[in-house]
């Protein structure tokens, strides 16, 4: 099994919070395709990164889905669509091997 984690920004580049409906549509898309998901939305994670001398901060929502195999083409296209929908240069999608107990 594979665990796919999708890291989405809670706020746009201008500081405005994305509407809940935007996240709801992504949840629906993933549930329709993969049959379920886990969404970490109540206590958003905080992403920090260095941009020159400054430390930038971002609140993020994380969606997770379990998959049997990776369709790289679909995930690449989906990531590109997320970049457009959330108006981001990059959206992180991470895939890890998982062993079920």
Foldseek 3Di string as FASTA:
>chain_A
DKKKKWKAFQAAPVGHGDDPVLVVVVQVVCCVVQVHKDKADDQFDKDWDDDDPDIDITTIIMIMGDDDDDPPVVVVVVQVVSCVSRVHPGIDMDMDDDDDD
